Amino acid sequence: MIVKLLTTVYDPINVRAGPNALTEQIGVLLVGQEANAIGQYGDYIQIEYPGGPGGKGWVYSTYVDLIGGPLPLVEPPPTSTPQTTKTIDPTLAAQFIITAQPTRLPTFTEPPPLSIPTFVVEEGATAPGGIPMGFIIIGLGGLGIFIGLIALLRRG
């Protein structure tokens, strides 16, 4: 039996070491490429693949066309142990932990009592010497008019 990859949105497709999307990728099949099918486990088909462990690999059955009939069921290979275990440095990870600091809720504080300044009104406001302010204003206004008339007469 033969497995053939026809045109698909997933080009190329992954060949994996086991029948699981989480197992390591050992190669790819390109559009139009064929491989001999050995068996099936779940949604994955085991194929002859020289780059894989034991010369075998697994492809997802939805992405390929099977030519030649049904396949026998096969047992999956044992789960491989990764060479290195991915760990997180706790000191580095602690730098990115955000601890929310409790905040105090806004409170209402009573404002201090309002003090309105008051001014004492003096009766009969006078300039130094006892002359009422009104006389001083009228006198300065008259002086301004007198100077303005003199300026006009000198011009003409």
C-alpha atoms as a PDB file:
ATOM      1  CA  MET A   1       0.000   0.000   0.000  1.00  0.00           C
ATOM      2  CA  ILE A   2       1.159   3.493  -0.759  1.00  0.00           C
ATOM      3  CA  VAL A   3       0.661   6.842   0.943  1.00  0.00           C
ATOM      4  CA  LYS A   4       0.747   9.848  -1.387  1.00  0.00           C
ATOM      5  CA  LEU A   5       0.608  13.513  -0.494  1.00  0.00           C
ATOM      6  CA  LEU A   6      -1.602  15.420  -2.910  1.00  0.00           C
ATOM      7  CA  THR A   7      -2.066  19.195  -3.052  1.00  0.00           C
ATOM      8  CA  THR A   8      -3.078  20.448   0.376  1.00  0.00           C
ATOM      9  CA  VAL A   9      -3.057  23.632   2.386  1.00  0.00           C
ATOM     10  CA  TYR A  10      -0.464  21.942   4.599  1.00  0.00           C
ATOM     11  CA  ASP A  11       2.531  21.729   2.249  1.00  0.00           C
ATOM     12  CA  PRO A  12       4.800  20.081   3.248  1.00  0.00           C
ATOM     13  CA  ILE A  13       3.401  17.857   6.000  1.00  0.00           C
ATOM     14  CA  ASN A  14       5.414  16.703   8.995  1.00  0.00           C
ATOM     15  CA  VAL A  15       6.710  13.167   9.442  1.00  0.00           C
ATOM     16  CA  ARG A  16       6.921  12.386  13.154  1.00  0.00           C
ATOM     17  CA  ALA A  17       8.667   9.749  15.280  1.00  0.00           C
ATOM     18  CA  GLY A  18       5.353   8.656  16.813  1.00  0.00           C
ATOM     19  CA  PRO A  19       1.590   8.873  16.250  1.00  0.00           C
ATOM     20  CA  ASN A  20       1.162  12.140  18.104  1.00  0.00           C
ATOM     21  CA  ALA A  21       1.497  15.809  17.223  1.00  0.00           C
ATOM     22  CA  LEU A  22       3.722  16.274  20.281  1.00  0.00           C
ATOM     23  CA  THR A  23       6.395  13.743  19.232  1.00  0.00           C
ATOM     24  CA  GLU A  24       9.520  15.026  17.558  1.00  0.00           C
ATOM     25  CA  GLN A  25       9.456  15.869  13.858  1.00  0.00           C
ATOM     26  CA  ILE A  26      11.920  13.758  11.876  1.00  0.00           C
ATOM     27  CA  GLY A  27      11.181  15.047   8.363  1.00  0.00           C
ATOM     28  CA  VAL A  28       8.566  16.167   5.850  1.00  0.00           C
ATOM     29  CA  LEU A  29       6.634  14.829   2.859  1.00  0.00           C
ATOM     30  CA  LEU A  30       6.309  17.159  -0.123  1.00  0.00           C
ATOM     31  CA  VAL A  31       3.379  17.376  -2.562  1.00  0.00           C
ATOM     32  CA  GLY A  32       3.492  14.423  -4.968  1.00  0.00           C
ATOM     33  CA  GLN A  33       5.894  12.431  -2.790  1.00  0.00           C
ATOM     34  CA  GLU A  34       5.021   8.782  -2.036  1.00  0.00           C
ATOM     35  CA  ALA A  35       5.943   6.393   0.761  1.00  0.00           C
ATOM     36  CA  ASN A  36       5.097   2.752   1.541  1.00  0.00           C
ATOM     37  CA  ALA A  37       2.428   2.425   4.226  1.00  0.00           C
ATOM     38  CA  ILE A  38       3.000  -0.131   6.987  1.00  0.00           C
ATOM     39  CA  GLY A  39       0.000   0.270   9.295  1.00  0.00           C
ATOM     40  CA  GLN A  40      -2.329   2.598  11.100  1.00  0.00           C
ATOM     41  CA  TYR A  41      -2.804   3.702  14.701  1.00  0.00           C
ATOM     42  CA  GLY A  42      -5.655   6.137  15.411  1.00  0.00           C
ATOM     43  CA  ASP A  43      -5.496   9.050  12.961  1.00  0.00           C
ATOM     44  CA  TYR A  44      -1.847   8.387  12.044  1.00  0.00           C
ATOM     45  CA  ILE A  45      -0.353   6.145   9.359  1.00  0.00           C
ATOM     46  CA  GLN A  46       3.037   4.484   9.815  1.00  0.00           C
ATOM     47  CA  ILE A  47       5.234   4.752   6.718  1.00  0.00           C
ATOM     48  CA  GLU A  48       8.686   3.642   5.647  1.00  0.00           C
ATOM     49  CA  TYR A  49      10.876   6.693   6.176  1.00  0.00           C
ATOM     50  CA  PRO A  50      14.666   6.298   6.069  1.00  0.00           C
ATOM     51  CA  GLY A  51      15.314   9.311   8.315  1.00  0.00           C
ATOM     52  CA  GLY A  52      13.212   7.965  11.198  1.00  0.00           C
ATOM     53  CA  PRO A  53      14.010   5.608  14.053  1.00  0.00           C
ATOM     54  CA  GLY A  54      14.087   2.061  12.647  1.00  0.00           C
ATOM     55  CA  GLY A  55      13.471   3.462   9.160  1.00  0.00           C
ATOM     56  CA  LYS A  56       9.848   4.333  10.005  1.00  0.00           C
ATOM     57  CA  GLY A  57       7.809   7.478  10.546  1.00  0.00           C
ATOM     58  CA  TRP A  58       4.221   8.623  11.124  1.00  0.00           C
ATOM     59  CA  VAL A  59       2.013  11.022   9.112  1.00  0.00           C
ATOM     60  CA  TYR A  60      -1.432  12.401   9.897  1.00  0.00           C
ATOM     61  CA  SER A  61      -3.961  10.442   7.777  1.00  0.00           C
ATOM     62  CA  THR A  62      -6.172  13.450   6.970  1.00  0.00           C
ATOM     63  CA  TYR A  63      -3.374  15.089   4.962  1.00  0.00           C
ATOM     64  CA  VAL A  64      -2.519  12.109   2.714  1.00  0.00           C
ATOM     65  CA  ASP A  65      -4.303   9.764   0.295  1.00  0.00           C
ATOM     66  CA  LEU A  66      -4.038   6.020   0.901  1.00  0.00           C
ATOM     67  CA  ILE A  67      -3.796   3.932  -2.264  1.00  0.00           C
ATOM     68  CA  GLY A  68      -4.351   0.170  -2.064  1.00  0.00           C
ATOM     69  CA  GLY A  69      -6.981  -0.504   0.582  1.00  0.00           C
ATOM     70  CA  PRO A  70      -7.240  -0.607   4.357  1.00  0.00           C
ATOM     71  CA  LEU A  71      -4.190  -0.859   6.576  1.00  0.00           C
ATOM     72  CA  PRO A  72      -3.591  -3.229   9.488  1.00  0.00           C
ATOM     73  CA  LEU A  73      -3.568  -1.746  12.981  1.00  0.00           C
ATOM     74  CA  VAL A  74      -0.090  -1.463  14.535  1.00  0.00           C
ATOM     75  CA  GLU A  75       1.146  -0.699  18.018  1.00  0.00           C
ATOM     76  CA  PRO A  76       2.727   2.720  18.530  1.00  0.00           C
ATOM     77  CA  PRO A  77       6.382   2.913  19.481  1.00  0.00           C
ATOM     78  CA  PRO A  78       7.215   3.568  23.131  1.00  0.00           C
ATOM     79  CA  THR A  79       7.220   7.214  24.118  1.00  0.00           C
ATOM     80  CA  SER A  80      10.680   8.612  23.613  1.00  0.00           C
ATOM     81  CA  THR A  81      12.475  10.306  26.478  1.00  0.00           C
ATOM     82  CA  PRO A  82      13.846  13.701  25.500  1.00  0.00           C
ATOM     83  CA  GLN A  83      17.605  14.125  25.865  1.00  0.00           C
ATOM     84  CA  THR A  84      17.199  17.285  27.887  1.00  0.00           C
ATOM     85  CA  THR A  85      14.395  18.249  30.150  1.00  0.00           C
ATOM     86  CA  LYS A  86      13.152  21.752  29.633  1.00  0.00           C
ATOM     87  CA  THR A  87      13.114  23.566  32.941  1.00  0.00           C
ATOM     88  CA  ILE A  88      12.417  27.104  33.979  1.00  0.00           C
ATOM     89  CA  ASP A  89      14.943  29.027  36.018  1.00  0.00           C
ATOM     90  CA  PRO A  90      12.921  30.013  39.113  1.00  0.00           C
ATOM     91  CA  THR A  91      15.014  33.130  39.687  1.00  0.00           C
ATOM     92  CA  LEU A  92      14.359  34.333  36.167  1.00  0.00           C
ATOM     93  CA  ALA A  93      10.668  33.420  36.342  1.00  0.00           C
ATOM     94  CA  ALA A  94      10.272  35.304  39.633  1.00  0.00           C
ATOM     95  CA  GLN A  95      11.242  38.541  37.887  1.00  0.00           C
ATOM     96  CA  PHE A  96       8.110  38.347  35.776  1.00  0.00           C
ATOM     97  CA  ILE A  97       5.654  37.608  38.578  1.00  0.00           C
ATOM     98  CA  ILE A  98       3.634  40.694  39.277  1.00  0.00           C
ATOM     99  CA  THR A  99       2.334  40.968  42.792  1.00  0.00           C
ATOM    100  CA  ALA A 100      -0.576  43.329  43.061  1.00  0.00           C
ATOM    101  CA  GLN A 101      -0.014  45.782  45.873  1.00  0.00           C
ATOM    102  CA  PRO A 102      -3.112  46.559  47.913  1.00  0.00           C
ATOM    103  CA  THR A 103      -4.188  50.130  47.465  1.00  0.00           C
ATOM    104  CA  ARG A 104      -6.096  52.291  49.854  1.00  0.00           C
ATOM    105  CA  LEU A 105      -9.494  53.278  48.699  1.00  0.00           C
ATOM    106  CA  PRO A 106     -10.095  57.001  48.293  1.00  0.00           C
ATOM    107  CA  THR A 107     -11.648  58.540  51.349  1.00  0.00           C
ATOM    108  CA  PHE A 108     -13.521  61.767  51.914  1.00  0.00           C
ATOM    109  CA  THR A 109     -11.785  64.252  54.172  1.00  0.00           C
ATOM    110  CA  GLU A 110     -13.842  67.134  55.517  1.00  0.00           C
ATOM    111  CA  PRO A 111     -12.348  70.454  54.358  1.00  0.00           C
ATOM    112  CA  PRO A 112     -11.338  73.036  56.958  1.00  0.00           C
ATOM    113  CA  PRO A 113     -13.982  75.605  57.836  1.00  0.00           C
ATOM    114  CA  LEU A 114     -14.326  78.335  55.240  1.00  0.00           C
ATOM    115  CA  SER A 115     -13.113  81.704  56.458  1.00  0.00           C
ATOM    116  CA  ILE A 116     -14.476  84.655  54.500  1.00  0.00           C
ATOM    117  CA  PRO A 117     -12.347  87.774  54.906  1.00  0.00           C
ATOM    118  CA  THR A 118     -14.288  90.833  55.906  1.00  0.00           C
ATOM    119  CA  PHE A 119     -13.276  94.434  55.469  1.00  0.00           C
ATOM    120  CA  VAL A 120     -14.325  97.314  57.620  1.00  0.00           C
ATOM    121  CA  VAL A 121     -15.978 100.060  55.597  1.00  0.00           C
ATOM    122  CA  GLU A 122     -14.758 103.419  56.764  1.00  0.00           C
ATOM    123  CA  GLU A 123     -17.341 106.168  56.632  1.00  0.00           C
ATOM    124  CA  GLY A 124     -16.266 109.313  54.811  1.00  0.00           C
ATOM    125  CA  ALA A 125     -13.055 108.044  53.216  1.00  0.00           C
ATOM    126  CA  THR A 126     -10.666 110.918  52.974  1.00  0.00           C
ATOM    127  CA  ALA A 127      -7.193 111.490  51.622  1.00  0.00           C
ATOM    128  CA  PRO A 128      -4.379 112.429  53.961  1.00  0.00           C
ATOM    129  CA  GLY A 129      -5.139 115.836  55.342  1.00  0.00           C
ATOM    130  CA  GLY A 130      -8.926 115.276  55.617  1.00  0.00           C
ATOM    131  CA  ILE A 131      -9.862 116.163  51.997  1.00  0.00           C
ATOM    132  CA  PRO A 132     -12.656 113.933  50.660  1.00  0.00           C
ATOM    133  CA  MET A 133     -11.594 111.588  47.804  1.00  0.00           C
ATOM    134  CA  GLY A 134     -14.394 112.839  45.560  1.00  0.00           C
ATOM    135  CA  PHE A 135     -12.879 116.382  45.529  1.00  0.00           C
ATOM    136  CA  ILE A 136      -9.488 114.989  44.533  1.00  0.00           C
ATOM    137  CA  ILE A 137     -10.988 112.969  41.630  1.00  0.00           C
ATOM    138  CA  ILE A 138     -13.037 115.949  40.359  1.00  0.00           C
ATOM    139  CA  GLY A 139      -9.982 118.229  40.634  1.00  0.00           C
ATOM    140  CA  LEU A 140      -7.769 115.853  38.639  1.00  0.00           C
ATOM    141  CA  GLY A 141     -10.481 115.458  35.973  1.00  0.00           C
ATOM    142  CA  GLY A 142     -10.814 119.233  35.617  1.00  0.00           C
ATOM    143  CA  LEU A 143      -7.026 119.666  35.390  1.00  0.00           C
ATOM    144  CA  GLY A 144      -6.964 117.041  32.573  1.00  0.00           C
ATOM    145  CA  ILE A 145      -9.658 118.855  30.611  1.00  0.00           C
ATOM    146  CA  PHE A 146      -7.842 122.211  31.076  1.00  0.00           C
ATOM    147  CA  ILE A 147      -4.545 120.765  29.786  1.00  0.00           C
ATOM    148  CA  GLY A 148      -6.359 119.168  26.838  1.00  0.00           C
ATOM    149  CA  LEU A 149      -7.916 122.549  25.846  1.00  0.00           C
ATOM    150  CA  ILE A 150      -4.578 124.308  26.022  1.00  0.00           C
ATOM    151  CA  ALA A 151      -3.057 121.621  23.781  1.00  0.00           C
ATOM    152  CA  LEU A 152      -5.835 122.072  21.201  1.00  0.00           C
ATOM    153  CA  LEU A 153      -5.552 125.895  21.183  1.00  0.00           C
ATOM    154  CA  ARG A 154      -1.767 125.802  20.739  1.00  0.00           C
ATOM    155  CA  ARG A 155      -2.108 123.555  17.710  1.00  0.00           C
ATOM    156  CA  GLY A 156      -4.564 125.645  15.857  1.00  0.00           C
END
